[in-house]
PDB file of N, CA and C in Angstrom:
ATOM      1  N   UNK A   1       9.936   8.334  18.999  1.00  0.00           N
ATOM      2  CA  UNK A   1       8.762   8.731  18.233  1.00  0.00           C
ATOM      3  C   UNK A   1       9.068  10.019  17.467  1.00  0.00           C
ATOM      4  N   UNK A   2       8.504  10.119  16.297  1.00  0.00           N
ATOM      5  CA  UNK A   2       8.727  11.296  15.456  1.00  0.00           C
ATOM      6  C   UNK A   2       8.062  12.530  16.071  1.00  0.00           C
ATOM      7  N   UNK A   3       8.775  13.651  16.014  1.00  0.00           N
ATOM      8  CA  UNK A   3       8.236  14.887  16.579  1.00  0.00           C
ATOM      9  C   UNK A   3       7.828  15.881  15.510  1.00  0.00           C
ATOM     10  N   UNK A   4       8.472  15.817  14.367  1.00  0.00           N
ATOM     11  CA  UNK A   4       8.183  16.772  13.314  1.00  0.00           C
ATOM     12  C   UNK A   4       6.990  16.303  12.482  1.00  0.00           C
ATOM     13  N   UNK A   5       6.232  17.259  12.023  1.00  0.00           N
ATOM     14  CA  UNK A   5       5.037  16.968  11.231  1.00  0.00           C
ATOM     15  C   UNK A   5       5.400  16.185   9.966  1.00  0.00           C
ATOM     16  N   UNK A   6       6.470  16.614   9.286  1.00  0.00           N
ATOM     17  CA  UNK A   6       6.883  15.960   8.044  1.00  0.00           C
ATOM     18  C   UNK A   6       7.348  14.530   8.290  1.00  0.00           C
ATOM     19  N   UNK A   7       8.000  14.307   9.431  1.00  0.00           N
ATOM     20  CA  UNK A   7       8.469  12.956   9.748  1.00  0.00           C
ATOM     21  C   UNK A   7       7.294  12.028  10.043  1.00  0.00           C
ATOM     22  N   UNK A   8       6.290  12.552  10.705  1.00  0.00           N
ATOM     23  CA  UNK A   8       5.086  11.748  10.970  1.00  0.00           C
ATOM     24  C   UNK A   8       4.397  11.379   9.662  1.00  0.00           C
ATOM     25  N   UNK A   9       4.321  12.343   8.756  1.00  0.00           N
ATOM     26  CA  UNK A   9       3.710  12.080   7.451  1.00  0.00           C
ATOM     27  C   UNK A   9       4.515  11.040   6.697  1.00  0.00           C
ATOM     28  N   UNK A  10       5.835  11.153   6.732  1.00  0.00           N
ATOM     29  CA  UNK A  10       6.705  10.195   6.044  1.00  0.00           C
ATOM     30  C   UNK A  10       6.505   8.781   6.589  1.00  0.00           C
ATOM     31  N   UNK A  11       6.332   8.694   7.898  1.00  0.00           N
ATOM     32  CA  UNK A  11       6.083   7.395   8.529  1.00  0.00           C
ATOM     33  C   UNK A  11       4.759   6.799   8.042  1.00  0.00           C
ATOM     34  N   UNK A  12       3.730   7.652   7.949  1.00  0.00           N
ATOM     35  CA  UNK A  12       2.435   7.180   7.440  1.00  0.00           C
ATOM     36  C   UNK A  12       2.549   6.702   6.000  1.00  0.00           C
ATOM     37  N   UNK A  13       3.248   7.479   5.180  1.00  0.00           N
ATOM     38  CA  UNK A  13       3.401   7.127   3.772  1.00  0.00           C
ATOM     39  C   UNK A  13       4.185   5.830   3.613  1.00  0.00           C
ATOM     40  N   UNK A  14       5.245   5.678   4.403  1.00  0.00           N
ATOM     41  CA  UNK A  14       6.063   4.463   4.321  1.00  0.00           C
ATOM     42  C   UNK A  14       5.242   3.237   4.695  1.00  0.00           C
ATOM     43  N   UNK A  15       4.387   3.397   5.693  1.00  0.00           N
ATOM     44  CA  UNK A  15       3.537   2.291   6.119  1.00  0.00           C
ATOM     45  C   UNK A  15       2.567   1.890   5.001  1.00  0.00           C
ATOM     46  N   UNK A  16       1.979   2.892   4.344  1.00  0.00           N
ATOM     47  CA  UNK A  16       1.059   2.602   3.234  1.00  0.00           C
ATOM     48  C   UNK A  16       1.773   1.911   2.090  1.00  0.00           C
ATOM     49  N   UNK A  17       2.957   2.424   1.759  1.00  0.00           N
ATOM     50  CA  UNK A  17       3.733   1.817   0.664  1.00  0.00           C
ATOM     51  C   UNK A  17       4.114   0.380   0.991  1.00  0.00           C
ATOM     52  N   UNK A  18       4.545   0.141   2.243  1.00  0.00           N
ATOM     53  CA  UNK A  18       4.936  -1.194   2.656  1.00  0.00           C
ATOM     54  C   UNK A  18       3.762  -2.161   2.520  1.00  0.00           C
ATOM     55  N   UNK A  19       2.596  -1.735   2.999  1.00  0.00           N
ATOM     56  CA  UNK A  19       1.411  -2.596   2.908  1.00  0.00           C
ATOM     57  C   UNK A  19       1.039  -2.879   1.454  1.00  0.00           C
ATOM     58  N   UNK A  20       1.091  -1.837   0.628  1.00  0.00           N
ATOM     59  CA  UNK A  20       0.757  -1.988  -0.787  1.00  0.00           C
ATOM     60  C   UNK A  20       1.741  -2.927  -1.467  1.00  0.00           C
ATOM     61  N   UNK A  21       3.028  -2.752  -1.205  1.00  0.00           N
ATOM     62  CA  UNK A  21       4.049  -3.597  -1.819  1.00  0.00           C
ATOM     63  C   UNK A  21       3.923  -5.047  -1.364  1.00  0.00           C
ATOM     64  N   UNK A  22       3.614  -5.238  -0.088  1.00  0.00           N
ATOM     65  CA  UNK A  22       3.427  -6.601   0.415  1.00  0.00           C
ATOM     66  C   UNK A  22       2.234  -7.256  -0.259  1.00  0.00           C
ATOM     67  N   UNK A  23       1.158  -6.494  -0.470  1.00  0.00           N
ATOM     68  CA  UNK A  23      -0.031  -7.018  -1.132  1.00  0.00           C
ATOM     69  C   UNK A  23       0.294  -7.442  -2.563  1.00  0.00           C
ATOM     70  N   UNK A  24       0.955  -6.562  -3.324  1.00  0.00           N
ATOM     71  CA  UNK A  24       1.292  -6.893  -4.706  1.00  0.00           C
ATOM     72  C   UNK A  24       2.235  -8.090  -4.771  1.00  0.00           C
ATOM     73  N   UNK A  25       3.200  -8.134  -3.877  1.00  0.00           N
ATOM     74  CA  UNK A  25       4.148  -9.247  -3.865  1.00  0.00           C
ATOM     75  C   UNK A  25       3.459 -10.563  -3.552  1.00  0.00           C
ATOM     76  N   UNK A  26       2.586 -10.544  -2.567  1.00  0.00           N
ATOM     77  CA  UNK A  26       1.878 -11.765  -2.176  1.00  0.00           C
ATOM     78  C   UNK A  26       0.924 -12.216  -3.275  1.00  0.00           C
ATOM     79  N   UNK A  27       0.240 -11.267  -3.903  1.00  0.00           N
ATOM     80  CA  UNK A  27      -0.678 -11.598  -4.987  1.00  0.00           C
ATOM     81  C   UNK A  27       0.067 -12.271  -6.137  1.00  0.00           C
ATOM     82  N   UNK A  28       1.244 -11.746  -6.457  1.00  0.00           N
ATOM     83  CA  UNK A  28       2.041 -12.324  -7.536  1.00  0.00           C
ATOM     84  C   UNK A  28       2.549 -13.707  -7.154  1.00  0.00           C
ATOM     85  N   UNK A  29       2.997 -13.858  -5.908  1.00  0.00           N
ATOM     86  CA  UNK A  29       3.471 -15.183  -5.462  1.00  0.00           C
ATOM     87  C   UNK A  29       2.340 -16.211  -5.535  1.00  0.00           C
ATOM     88  N   UNK A  30       1.140 -15.791  -5.168  1.00  0.00           N
ATOM     89  CA  UNK A  30      -0.012 -16.698  -5.258  1.00  0.00           C
ATOM     90  C   UNK A  30      -0.305 -17.058  -6.717  1.00  0.00           C
ATOM     91  N   UNK A  31      -0.182 -16.088  -7.613  1.00  0.00           N
ATOM     92  CA  UNK A  31      -0.418 -16.351  -9.035  1.00  0.00           C
ATOM     93  C   UNK A  31       0.613 -17.338  -9.572  1.00  0.00           C
ATOM     94  N   UNK A  32       1.858 -17.185  -9.140  1.00  0.00           N
ATOM     95  CA  UNK A  32       2.919 -18.111  -9.572  1.00  0.00           C
ATOM     96  C   UNK A  32       2.627 -19.507  -9.039  1.00  0.00           C
ATOM     97  N   UNK A  33       2.215 -19.584  -7.772  1.00  0.00           N
ATOM     98  CA  UNK A  33       1.889 -20.878  -7.176  1.00  0.00           C
ATOM     99  C   UNK A  33       0.726 -21.544  -7.920  1.00  0.00           C
ATOM    100  N   UNK A  34      -0.303 -20.768  -8.244  1.00  0.00           N
ATOM    101  CA  UNK A  34      -1.445 -21.315  -8.975  1.00  0.00           C
ATOM    102  C   UNK A  34      -1.043 -21.758 -10.378  1.00  0.00           C
ATOM    103  N   UNK A  35      -0.153 -20.997 -10.997  1.00  0.00           N
ATOM    104  CA  UNK A  35       0.327 -21.351 -12.329  1.00  0.00           C
ATOM    105  C   UNK A  35       1.086 -22.673 -12.285  1.00  0.00           C
ATOM    106  N   UNK A  36       1.929 -22.836 -11.272  1.00  0.00           N
ATOM    107  CA  UNK A  36       2.685 -24.088 -11.130  1.00  0.00           C
ATOM    108  C   UNK A  36       1.751 -25.263 -10.874  1.00  0.00           C
ATOM    109  N   UNK A  37       0.641 -25.014 -10.212  1.00  0.00           N
ATOM    110  CA  UNK A  37      -0.325 -26.073  -9.925  1.00  0.00           C
ATOM    111  C   UNK A  37      -1.012 -26.550 -11.204  1.00  0.00           C
ATOM    112  N   UNK A  38      -1.145 -25.666 -12.204  1.00  0.00           N
ATOM    113  CA  UNK A  38      -1.784 -26.043 -13.466  1.00  0.00           C
ATOM    114  C   UNK A  38      -0.761 -26.505 -14.496  1.00  0.00           C
ATOM    115  N   UNK A  39       0.417 -26.857 -14.017  1.00  0.00           N
ATOM    116  CA  UNK A  39       1.513 -27.246 -14.915  1.00  0.00           C
ATOM    117  C   UNK A  39       1.145 -28.438 -15.806  1.00  0.00           C
ATOM    118  N   UNK A  40       0.345 -29.311 -15.300  1.00  0.00           N
ATOM    119  CA  UNK A  40      -0.003 -30.519 -16.059  1.00  0.00           C
ATOM    120  C   UNK A  40      -0.892 -30.188 -17.268  1.00  0.00           C
ATOM    121  N   UNK A  41      -1.710 -29.167 -17.132  1.00  0.00           N
ATOM    122  CA  UNK A  41      -2.609 -28.767 -18.207  1.00  0.00           C
ATOM    123  C   UNK A  41      -1.918 -27.701 -19.065  1.00  0.00           C
ATOM    124  N   UNK A  42      -1.397 -28.132 -20.206  1.00  0.00           N
ATOM    125  CA  UNK A  42      -0.581 -27.254 -21.052  1.00  0.00           C
ATOM    126  C   UNK A  42      -1.353 -26.025 -21.543  1.00  0.00           C
ATOM    127  N   UNK A  43      -2.601 -26.217 -21.916  1.00  0.00           N
ATOM    128  CA  UNK A  43      -3.382 -25.120 -22.484  1.00  0.00           C
ATOM    129  C   UNK A  43      -3.600 -24.009 -21.442  1.00  0.00           C
ATOM    130  N   UNK A  44      -4.027 -24.403 -20.255  1.00  0.00           N
ATOM    131  CA  UNK A  44      -4.255 -23.429 -19.187  1.00  0.00           C
ATOM    132  C   UNK A  44      -2.954 -22.743 -18.801  1.00  0.00           C
ATOM    133  N   UNK A  45      -1.877 -23.506 -18.722  1.00  0.00           N
ATOM    134  CA  UNK A  45      -0.567 -22.957 -18.359  1.00  0.00           C
ATOM    135  C   UNK A  45      -0.137 -21.908 -19.376  1.00  0.00           C
ATOM    136  N   UNK A  46      -0.299 -22.239 -20.654  1.00  0.00           N
ATOM    137  CA  UNK A  46       0.097 -21.317 -21.719  1.00  0.00           C
ATOM    138  C   UNK A  46      -0.728 -20.039 -21.740  1.00  0.00           C
ATOM    139  N   UNK A  47      -1.999 -20.146 -21.368  1.00  0.00           N
ATOM    140  CA  UNK A  47      -2.860 -18.970 -21.348  1.00  0.00           C
ATOM    141  C   UNK A  47      -2.582 -18.078 -20.139  1.00  0.00           C
ATOM    142  N   UNK A  48      -2.253 -18.681 -19.013  1.00  0.00           N
ATOM    143  CA  UNK A  48      -2.024 -17.926 -17.778  1.00  0.00           C
ATOM    144  C   UNK A  48      -0.628 -17.316 -17.703  1.00  0.00           C
ATOM    145  N   UNK A  49       0.317 -17.899 -18.422  1.00  0.00           N
ATOM    146  CA  UNK A  49       1.711 -17.455 -18.323  1.00  0.00           C
ATOM    147  C   UNK A  49       1.906 -15.974 -18.643  1.00  0.00           C
ATOM    148  N   UNK A  50       1.343 -15.427 -19.726  1.00  0.00           N
ATOM    149  CA  UNK A  50       1.560 -13.993 -20.005  1.00  0.00           C
ATOM    150  C   UNK A  50       1.066 -13.068 -18.898  1.00  0.00           C
ATOM    151  N   UNK A  51      -0.042 -13.432 -18.256  1.00  0.00           N
ATOM    152  CA  UNK A  51      -0.560 -12.612 -17.163  1.00  0.00           C
ATOM    153  C   UNK A  51       0.393 -12.601 -15.973  1.00  0.00           C
ATOM    154  N   UNK A  52       0.930 -13.763 -15.649  1.00  0.00           N
ATOM    155  CA  UNK A  52       1.849 -13.870 -14.520  1.00  0.00           C
ATOM    156  C   UNK A  52       3.153 -13.137 -14.830  1.00  0.00           C
ATOM    157  N   UNK A  53       3.638 -13.276 -16.054  1.00  0.00           N
ATOM    158  CA  UNK A  53       4.865 -12.578 -16.449  1.00  0.00           C
ATOM    159  C   UNK A  53       4.661 -11.068 -16.375  1.00  0.00           C
ATOM    160  N   UNK A  54       3.490 -10.618 -16.758  1.00  0.00           N
ATOM    161  CA  UNK A  54       3.175  -9.196 -16.667  1.00  0.00           C
ATOM    162  C   UNK A  54       3.204  -8.724 -15.213  1.00  0.00           C
ATOM    163  N   UNK A  55       2.658  -9.512 -14.309  1.00  0.00           N
ATOM    164  CA  UNK A  55       2.667  -9.168 -12.892  1.00  0.00           C
ATOM    165  C   UNK A  55       4.094  -9.075 -12.365  1.00  0.00           C
ATOM    166  N   UNK A  56       4.934 -10.023 -12.773  1.00  0.00           N
ATOM    167  CA  UNK A  56       6.335 -10.037 -12.337  1.00  0.00           C
ATOM    168  C   UNK A  56       7.057  -8.800 -12.855  1.00  0.00           C
ATOM    169  N   UNK A  57       6.814  -8.450 -14.121  1.00  0.00           N
ATOM    170  CA  UNK A  57       7.442  -7.261 -14.705  1.00  0.00           C
ATOM    171  C   UNK A  57       7.045  -5.988 -13.954  1.00  0.00           C
ATOM    172  N   UNK A  58       5.780  -5.902 -13.576  1.00  0.00           N
ATOM    173  CA  UNK A  58       5.314  -4.723 -12.849  1.00  0.00           C
ATOM    174  C   UNK A  58       5.996  -4.606 -11.490  1.00  0.00           C
ATOM    175  N   UNK A  59       6.195  -5.740 -10.817  1.00  0.00           N
ATOM    176  CA  UNK A  59       6.883  -5.709  -9.528  1.00  0.00           C
ATOM    177  C   UNK A  59       8.316  -5.218  -9.687  1.00  0.00           C
ATOM    178  N   UNK A  60       8.979  -5.686 -10.738  1.00  0.00           N
ATOM    179  CA  UNK A  60      10.359  -5.273 -10.976  1.00  0.00           C
ATOM    180  C   UNK A  60      10.428  -3.793 -11.336  1.00  0.00           C
ATOM    181  N   UNK A  61       9.477  -3.348 -12.123  1.00  0.00           N
ATOM    182  CA  UNK A  61       9.461  -1.945 -12.536  1.00  0.00           C
ATOM    183  C   UNK A  61       9.267  -1.015 -11.337  1.00  0.00           C
ATOM    184  N   UNK A  62       8.418  -1.432 -10.397  1.00  0.00           N
ATOM    185  CA  UNK A  62       8.157  -0.623  -9.218  1.00  0.00           C
ATOM    186  C   UNK A  62       9.249  -0.752  -8.163  1.00  0.00           C
ATOM    187  N   UNK A  63      10.161  -1.710  -8.348  1.00  0.00           N
ATOM    188  CA  UNK A  63      11.250  -1.887  -7.389  1.00  0.00           C
ATOM    189  C   UNK A  63      10.884  -2.759  -6.213  1.00  0.00           C
ATOM    190  N   UNK A  64       9.785  -3.474  -6.304  1.00  0.00           N
ATOM    191  CA  UNK A  64       9.366  -4.352  -5.211  1.00  0.00           C
ATOM    192  C   UNK A  64      10.256  -5.590  -5.181  1.00  0.00           C
ATOM    193  N   UNK A  65      10.616  -6.090  -6.356  1.00  0.00           N
ATOM    194  CA  UNK A  65      11.603  -7.162  -6.447  1.00  0.00           C
ATOM    195  C   UNK A  65      12.709  -6.695  -7.387  1.00  0.00           C
ATOM    196  N   UNK A  66      13.863  -7.321  -7.278  1.00  0.00           N
ATOM    197  CA  UNK A  66      15.012  -6.957  -8.111  1.00  0.00           C
ATOM    198  C   UNK A  66      14.777  -7.438  -9.540  1.00  0.00           C
ATOM    199  N   UNK A  67      15.332  -6.718 -10.504  1.00  0.00           N
ATOM    200  CA  UNK A  67      15.100  -7.063 -11.905  1.00  0.00           C
ATOM    201  C   UNK A  67      15.677  -8.436 -12.251  1.00  0.00           C
ATOM    202  N   UNK A  68      16.776  -8.827 -11.607  1.00  0.00           N
ATOM    203  CA  UNK A  68      17.349 -10.148 -11.882  1.00  0.00           C
ATOM    204  C   UNK A  68      16.464 -11.256 -11.322  1.00  0.00           C
ATOM    205  N   UNK A  69      15.860 -11.008 -10.172  1.00  0.00           N
ATOM    206  CA  UNK A  69      14.929 -11.994  -9.614  1.00  0.00           C
ATOM    207  C   UNK A  69      13.737 -12.161 -10.539  1.00  0.00           C
ATOM    208  N   UNK A  70      13.267 -11.054 -11.089  1.00  0.00           N
ATOM    209  CA  UNK A  70      12.149 -11.111 -12.032  1.00  0.00           C
ATOM    210  C   UNK A  70      12.544 -11.928 -13.260  1.00  0.00           C
ATOM    211  N   UNK A  71      13.746 -11.694 -13.752  1.00  0.00           N
ATOM    212  CA  UNK A  71      14.216 -12.427 -14.929  1.00  0.00           C
ATOM    213  C   UNK A  71      14.323 -13.918 -14.626  1.00  0.00           C
ATOM    214  N   UNK A  72      14.822 -14.245 -13.439  1.00  0.00           N
ATOM    215  CA  UNK A  72      14.952 -15.653 -13.064  1.00  0.00           C
ATOM    216  C   UNK A  72      13.590 -16.324 -12.939  1.00  0.00           C
ATOM    217  N   UNK A  73      12.629 -15.632 -12.335  1.00  0.00           N
ATOM    218  CA  UNK A  73      11.283 -16.194 -12.206  1.00  0.00           C
ATOM    219  C   UNK A  73      10.659 -16.441 -13.576  1.00  0.00           C
ATOM    220  N   UNK A  74      10.761 -15.443 -14.457  1.00  0.00           N
ATOM    221  CA  UNK A  74      10.172 -15.579 -15.791  1.00  0.00           C
ATOM    222  C   UNK A  74      10.850 -16.701 -16.570  1.00  0.00           C
ATOM    223  N   UNK A  75      12.156 -16.826 -16.419  1.00  0.00           N
ATOM    224  CA  UNK A  75      12.899 -17.867 -17.122  1.00  0.00           C
ATOM    225  C   UNK A  75      12.450 -19.257 -16.677  1.00  0.00           C
ATOM    226  N   UNK A  76      12.319 -19.428 -15.366  1.00  0.00           N
ATOM    227  CA  UNK A  76      11.906 -20.738 -14.837  1.00  0.00           C
ATOM    228  C   UNK A  76      10.502 -21.112 -15.300  1.00  0.00           C
ATOM    229  N   UNK A  77       9.603 -20.123 -15.294  1.00  0.00           N
ATOM    230  CA  UNK A  77       8.236 -20.407 -15.716  1.00  0.00           C
ATOM    231  C   UNK A  77       8.166 -20.665 -17.224  1.00  0.00           C
ATOM    232  N   UNK A  78       8.956 -19.946 -18.000  1.00  0.00           N
ATOM    233  CA  UNK A  78       8.941 -20.093 -19.456  1.00  0.00           C
ATOM    234  C   UNK A  78       9.558 -21.405 -19.898  1.00  0.00           C
ATOM    235  N   UNK A  79      10.536 -21.896 -19.155  1.00  0.00           N
ATOM    236  CA  UNK A  79      11.184 -23.165 -19.500  1.00  0.00           C
ATOM    237  C   UNK A  79      10.179 -24.302 -19.554  1.00  0.00           C
ATOM    238  N   UNK A  80       9.221 -24.263 -18.651  1.00  0.00           N
ATOM    239  CA  UNK A  80       8.234 -25.337 -18.591  1.00  0.00           C
ATOM    240  C   UNK A  80       7.375 -25.348 -19.853  1.00  0.00           C
ATOM    241  N   UNK A  81       7.099 -24.195 -20.433  1.00  0.00           N
ATOM    242  CA  UNK A  81       6.323 -24.118 -21.674  1.00  0.00           C
ATOM    243  C   UNK A  81       7.194 -24.590 -22.825  1.00  0.00           C
ATOM    244  N   UNK A  82       8.451 -24.198 -22.835  1.00  0.00           N
ATOM    245  CA  UNK A  82       9.367 -24.549 -23.921  1.00  0.00           C
ATOM    246  C   UNK A  82       9.595 -26.059 -23.976  1.00  0.00           C
ATOM    247  N   UNK A  83       9.680 -26.686 -22.830  1.00  0.00           N
ATOM    248  CA  UNK A  83       9.889 -28.127 -22.784  1.00  0.00           C
ATOM    249  C   UNK A  83       8.676 -28.872 -23.337  1.00  0.00           C
ATOM    250  N   UNK A  84       7.496 -28.352 -23.048  1.00  0.00           N
ATOM    251  CA  UNK A  84       6.262 -29.007 -23.478  1.00  0.00           C
ATOM    252  C   UNK A  84       5.954 -28.737 -24.949  1.00  0.00           C
ATOM    253  N   UNK A  85       6.446 -27.640 -25.461  1.00  0.00           N
ATOM    254  CA  UNK A  85       6.114 -27.267 -26.829  1.00  0.00           C
ATOM    255  C   UNK A  85       6.855 -28.109 -27.843  1.00  0.00           C
TER     256      UNK A  85
END
């Protein structure tokens, strides 16, 4: 167990950050899942795609996911629009 005041504070902060990052990551994964579910409806898919891409970019910017993973996710989602267009 941490004995120093600063170490205890660091532990609290790390816990908050972990919870926040898990929330943002899960929210984005749910948005991606919902987007994939609307794949059949081209109009809805096209309208929702920029919002999901924005969420993915924010995760990469904050370091929650790696930038290459973000690029791969965006590429896979964008391919589906390109094929339909």
